[in-house]
Amino acid sequence: MVKSWNDMVDEAKAQTTAVTPAQAHQSLQDNRDALLIDVRDAESVPQDQRSPDTVMISLGYLPMRADLEVPEQLRDPRLADRSRQVIVT
C-alpha cells in the first residue's frame, strides 16, 4: 500500500519534538555542536536579520542536502552526522 502525504507527515511528526524559541536557544547554549537551520529562502531574509550561527538551507533543498545517497557536491557535510542535534526554524 502506498503511503499518503498525511501518513508521511504523521510519521515525521511522531519522530520530532517541537520546542519553543526559548528552549531552542537553551539547547544551542547547552550543546555547542547543535545545528540551527533556517529553512526560509536566503534571498527573502535580509543579511542583518540572520544569526551568524544559523545555517540557511531552503526547505525545498533540505532533504537533498541531508541525503547521504546523493552525490557529495549536493550534500551539506554539516548534516552527515546523524547523532548531531538539529533545530529547524
Protein backbone atom coordinates (compact mmCIF):
# COMPACT_ATOMS: atom_id res chain seq x y z
CA MET A 1 0.00 0.00 0.00
CA VAL A 2 1.29 3.44 -0.93
CA LYS A 3 1.63 5.94 1.91
CA SER A 4 -0.41 9.11 1.65
CA TRP A 5 1.07 12.53 2.23
CA ASN A 6 -0.77 12.70 5.57
CA ASP A 7 0.69 9.31 6.58
CA MET A 8 4.21 10.57 5.89
CA VAL A 9 3.55 13.81 7.79
CA ASP A 10 2.17 11.88 10.76
CA GLU A 11 5.25 9.62 10.80
CA ALA A 12 7.58 12.61 10.69
CA LYS A 13 5.69 14.37 13.49
CA ALA A 14 5.98 11.26 15.66
CA GLN A 15 9.77 11.39 15.29
CA THR A 16 10.26 15.09 16.02
CA THR A 17 9.90 17.30 19.05
CA ALA A 18 8.54 20.82 18.88
CA VAL A 19 10.35 23.37 21.03
CA THR A 20 9.75 26.98 21.92
CA PRO A 21 12.25 29.65 20.87
CA ALA A 22 13.48 29.79 24.47
CA GLN A 23 14.03 26.01 24.53
CA ALA A 24 15.86 26.16 21.19
CA HIS A 25 18.09 28.95 22.49
CA GLN A 26 18.87 26.93 25.63
CA SER A 27 19.62 23.80 23.55
CA LEU A 28 22.07 25.79 21.46
CA GLN A 29 23.74 27.12 24.61
CA ASP A 30 23.94 23.65 26.18
CA ASN A 31 25.10 21.85 23.04
CA ARG A 32 27.66 23.82 21.03
CA ASP A 33 27.58 21.15 18.33
CA ALA A 34 23.84 21.64 17.73
CA LEU A 35 22.93 22.98 14.31
CA LEU A 36 20.26 25.65 13.78
CA ILE A 37 18.81 25.63 10.26
CA ASP A 38 16.62 28.41 8.88
CA VAL A 39 14.58 26.96 6.01
CA ARG A 40 13.40 30.27 4.57
CA ASP A 41 14.78 31.20 1.17
CA ALA A 42 18.00 33.07 1.88
CA GLU A 43 17.07 35.80 -0.59
CA SER A 44 14.00 36.63 1.49
CA VAL A 45 15.95 37.17 4.72
CA PRO A 46 17.99 40.38 4.91
CA GLN A 47 21.62 39.80 5.87
CA ASP A 48 21.27 41.91 9.02
CA GLN A 49 18.42 39.69 10.24
CA ARG A 50 20.41 36.45 10.06
CA SER A 51 22.12 34.98 13.05
CA PRO A 52 25.78 34.20 12.38
CA ASP A 53 25.22 30.75 13.94
CA THR A 54 22.31 29.88 11.65
CA VAL A 55 22.68 27.78 8.53
CA MET A 56 20.43 28.89 5.67
CA ILE A 57 19.10 25.87 3.72
CA SER A 58 15.83 26.43 1.85
CA LEU A 59 13.11 23.95 2.81
CA GLY A 60 12.92 22.57 -0.72
CA TYR A 61 16.65 21.76 -0.70
CA LEU A 62 16.89 20.39 2.84
CA PRO A 63 16.01 16.74 2.02
CA MET A 64 18.62 16.64 -0.74
CA ARG A 65 21.30 18.38 1.34
CA ALA A 66 20.79 15.81 4.13
CA ASP A 67 20.64 12.75 1.85
CA LEU A 68 23.80 10.68 2.15
CA GLU A 69 22.95 8.85 -1.09
CA VAL A 70 23.17 11.87 -3.41
CA PRO A 71 26.50 12.96 -4.94
CA GLU A 72 28.79 14.59 -2.39
CA GLN A 73 28.72 18.02 -4.06
CA LEU A 74 24.93 18.20 -3.49
CA ARG A 75 25.10 17.34 0.23
CA ASP A 76 25.79 19.62 3.17
CA PRO A 77 28.56 18.00 5.23
CA ARG A 78 27.19 19.55 8.42
CA LEU A 79 24.19 17.21 8.09
CA ALA A 80 26.20 13.99 7.74
CA ASP A 81 26.42 13.25 11.47
CA ARG A 82 23.06 11.66 12.27
CA SER A 83 23.69 11.97 16.01
CA ARG A 84 24.00 15.76 15.79
CA GLN A 85 21.12 17.76 17.25
CA VAL A 86 19.37 19.77 14.54
CA ILE A 87 16.89 22.56 15.23
CA VAL A 88 14.89 23.76 12.24
CA THR A 89 13.02 27.03 12.04
